[in-house]
Protein backbone atom coordinates (compact mmCIF):
# COMPACT_ATOMS: atom_id res chain seq x y z
CA MET A 1 0.00 0.00 0.00
CA PHE A 2 2.78 2.41 0.92
CA LYS A 3 4.61 1.61 -2.30
CA LYS A 4 1.53 2.39 -4.37
CA PHE A 5 0.95 5.64 -2.48
CA PHE A 6 4.59 6.68 -2.86
CA LYS A 7 4.64 5.81 -6.54
CA HIS A 8 1.45 7.73 -7.25
CA TYR A 9 1.85 10.86 -5.12
CA CYS A 10 5.57 11.31 -4.59
CA SER A 11 6.99 10.56 -8.02
CA PHE A 12 7.76 13.17 -10.63
CA ARG A 13 8.77 12.97 -14.25
CA LEU A 14 11.93 14.47 -15.62
CA PRO A 15 11.73 16.00 -19.10
CA GLN A 16 12.79 13.86 -22.05
CA LYS A 17 14.22 16.80 -23.98
CA SER A 18 16.92 19.23 -22.97
CA ILE A 19 16.58 23.01 -22.82
CA LEU A 20 17.90 23.26 -26.38
CA GLY A 21 15.45 20.65 -27.66
CA PHE A 22 17.85 17.72 -27.96
CA LYS A 23 16.93 14.26 -26.75
CA VAL A 24 18.26 13.40 -23.28
CA LEU A 25 21.09 10.84 -23.31
CA SER A 26 20.40 7.21 -22.48
CA SER A 27 22.04 5.54 -19.51
CA PHE A 28 24.74 3.94 -21.64
CA HIS A 29 25.55 7.18 -23.48
CA SER A 30 25.66 9.09 -20.19
CA THR A 31 28.10 6.48 -18.89
CA LEU A 32 30.34 6.89 -21.93
CA ALA A 33 30.24 10.68 -21.61
CA SER A 34 31.07 10.43 -17.90
CA TYR A 35 34.10 8.24 -18.55
CA PHE A 36 35.21 10.61 -21.31
CA LEU A 37 34.94 13.61 -18.96
CA LEU A 38 36.75 11.77 -16.15
CA LEU A 39 39.56 10.84 -18.53
CA SER A 40 39.80 14.32 -20.03
CA GLY A 41 39.95 15.87 -16.56
CA VAL A 42 42.80 13.57 -15.55
CA LEU A 43 44.72 14.21 -18.78
CA ILE A 44 44.19 17.97 -19.13
CA ASN A 45 44.60 19.16 -15.52
CA PRO A 46 48.40 18.87 -15.37
CA TYR A 47 48.74 21.24 -18.33
CA PHE A 48 47.21 24.28 -16.65
CA GLY A 49 50.09 26.62 -15.93
CA LEU A 50 51.32 28.71 -13.06
CA LYS A 51 50.21 32.20 -14.11
CA TYR A 52 47.11 33.82 -12.60
CA ARG A 53 45.00 33.49 -15.77
CA GLU A 54 45.99 29.88 -16.29
CA ILE A 55 45.16 28.89 -12.72
CA LEU A 56 41.85 30.78 -12.95
CA SER A 57 40.92 29.07 -16.22
CA GLY A 58 41.90 25.68 -14.77
CA THR A 59 39.68 26.31 -11.76
CA PHE A 60 36.73 27.24 -13.98
CA PHE A 61 37.40 24.16 -16.13
CA ASN A 62 37.36 21.87 -13.09
CA ILE A 63 34.15 23.40 -11.72
CA ILE A 64 32.34 23.00 -15.05
CA LEU A 65 33.77 19.49 -15.52
CA ASN A 66 32.66 18.26 -12.10
CA ILE A 67 29.20 19.84 -12.29
CA SER A 68 28.76 18.20 -15.70
CA LEU A 69 29.73 14.87 -14.17
CA ILE A 70 27.15 15.29 -11.40
CA ILE A 71 24.45 16.06 -13.99
CA LEU A 72 25.45 12.99 -16.01
CA ILE A 73 25.35 10.83 -12.88
CA PHE A 74 21.81 12.04 -12.15
CA ASN A 75 20.89 11.11 -15.72
CA ILE A 76 22.52 7.68 -15.35
CA ILE A 77 20.47 7.03 -12.23
CA ASP A 78 17.27 8.34 -13.84
CA LYS A 79 17.66 6.13 -16.93
CA ARG A 80 18.92 3.03 -15.07
CA LYS A 81 15.93 0.91 -16.13
CA GLN A 82 17.23 0.92 -19.70
CA LEU A 83 20.01 -1.50 -18.72
CA ASN A 84 20.10 -4.84 -16.98
CA ARG A 85 20.84 -4.36 -13.25
CA LYS A 86 24.06 -6.41 -13.29
CA TYR A 87 25.32 -4.69 -16.44
CA PHE A 88 24.35 -1.27 -15.03
CA LEU A 89 26.30 -1.80 -11.80
CA THR A 90 29.28 -3.24 -13.65
CA ILE A 91 29.80 -0.39 -16.09
CA ASN A 92 28.98 2.38 -13.61
CA SER A 93 30.84 1.13 -10.55
CA ILE A 94 33.89 3.37 -11.10
CA ILE A 95 31.64 6.39 -11.61
CA PHE A 96 29.70 5.66 -8.42
CA ILE A 97 32.92 5.19 -6.46
CA SER A 98 34.20 8.56 -7.69
CA ILE A 99 31.09 10.56 -6.58
CA PRO A 100 32.60 11.68 -3.23
CA GLN A 101 35.79 12.79 -5.00
CA ILE A 102 33.78 14.75 -7.57
CA ILE A 103 31.79 16.55 -4.88
CA PHE A 104 34.99 17.23 -2.92
CA GLN A 105 36.63 18.68 -6.04
CA ILE A 106 33.68 21.01 -6.62
CA PHE A 107 34.04 22.47 -3.12
CA ILE A 108 37.84 22.72 -3.35
CA ASN A 109 37.67 24.47 -6.73
CA LEU A 110 34.95 26.86 -5.51
CA LYS A 111 37.18 27.70 -2.54
CA ASN A 112 40.15 28.23 -4.87
CA LEU A 113 38.01 30.40 -7.15
CA LYS A 114 36.97 32.58 -4.22
CA ILE A 115 40.60 32.95 -3.15
CA LEU A 116 41.73 33.77 -6.70
CA LEU A 117 39.02 36.35 -7.27
CA THR A 118 39.58 38.13 -3.97
CA TRP A 119 43.37 37.91 -4.12
CA ASN A 120 43.76 39.84 -7.37
CA SER A 121 41.26 42.59 -6.47
């Protein structure tokens, strides 16, 4: 009874199209995009330099990267019924393990951004 009540009154539907009118990614495509962003973040981060502008742009890059990963993880969870449960957990296990690190990186980069913006003023 509780399950029926919860399903009927407490559920909400997420839109199937993005703000720009594109179709929302499937669970598998969100997983591929997440792995691509994780890999690009690992490979590109060491190449941000030591000057003020370079550190500032690297901080912005990391904030946008990690927020994009959080959005993709929400989409993966929303579309999880498209994949078999065992397959879903297998391909997304690394992404789920990295969630605390992603959230931590968002806060660290926001702190660094605040320091950078107030330091140069």
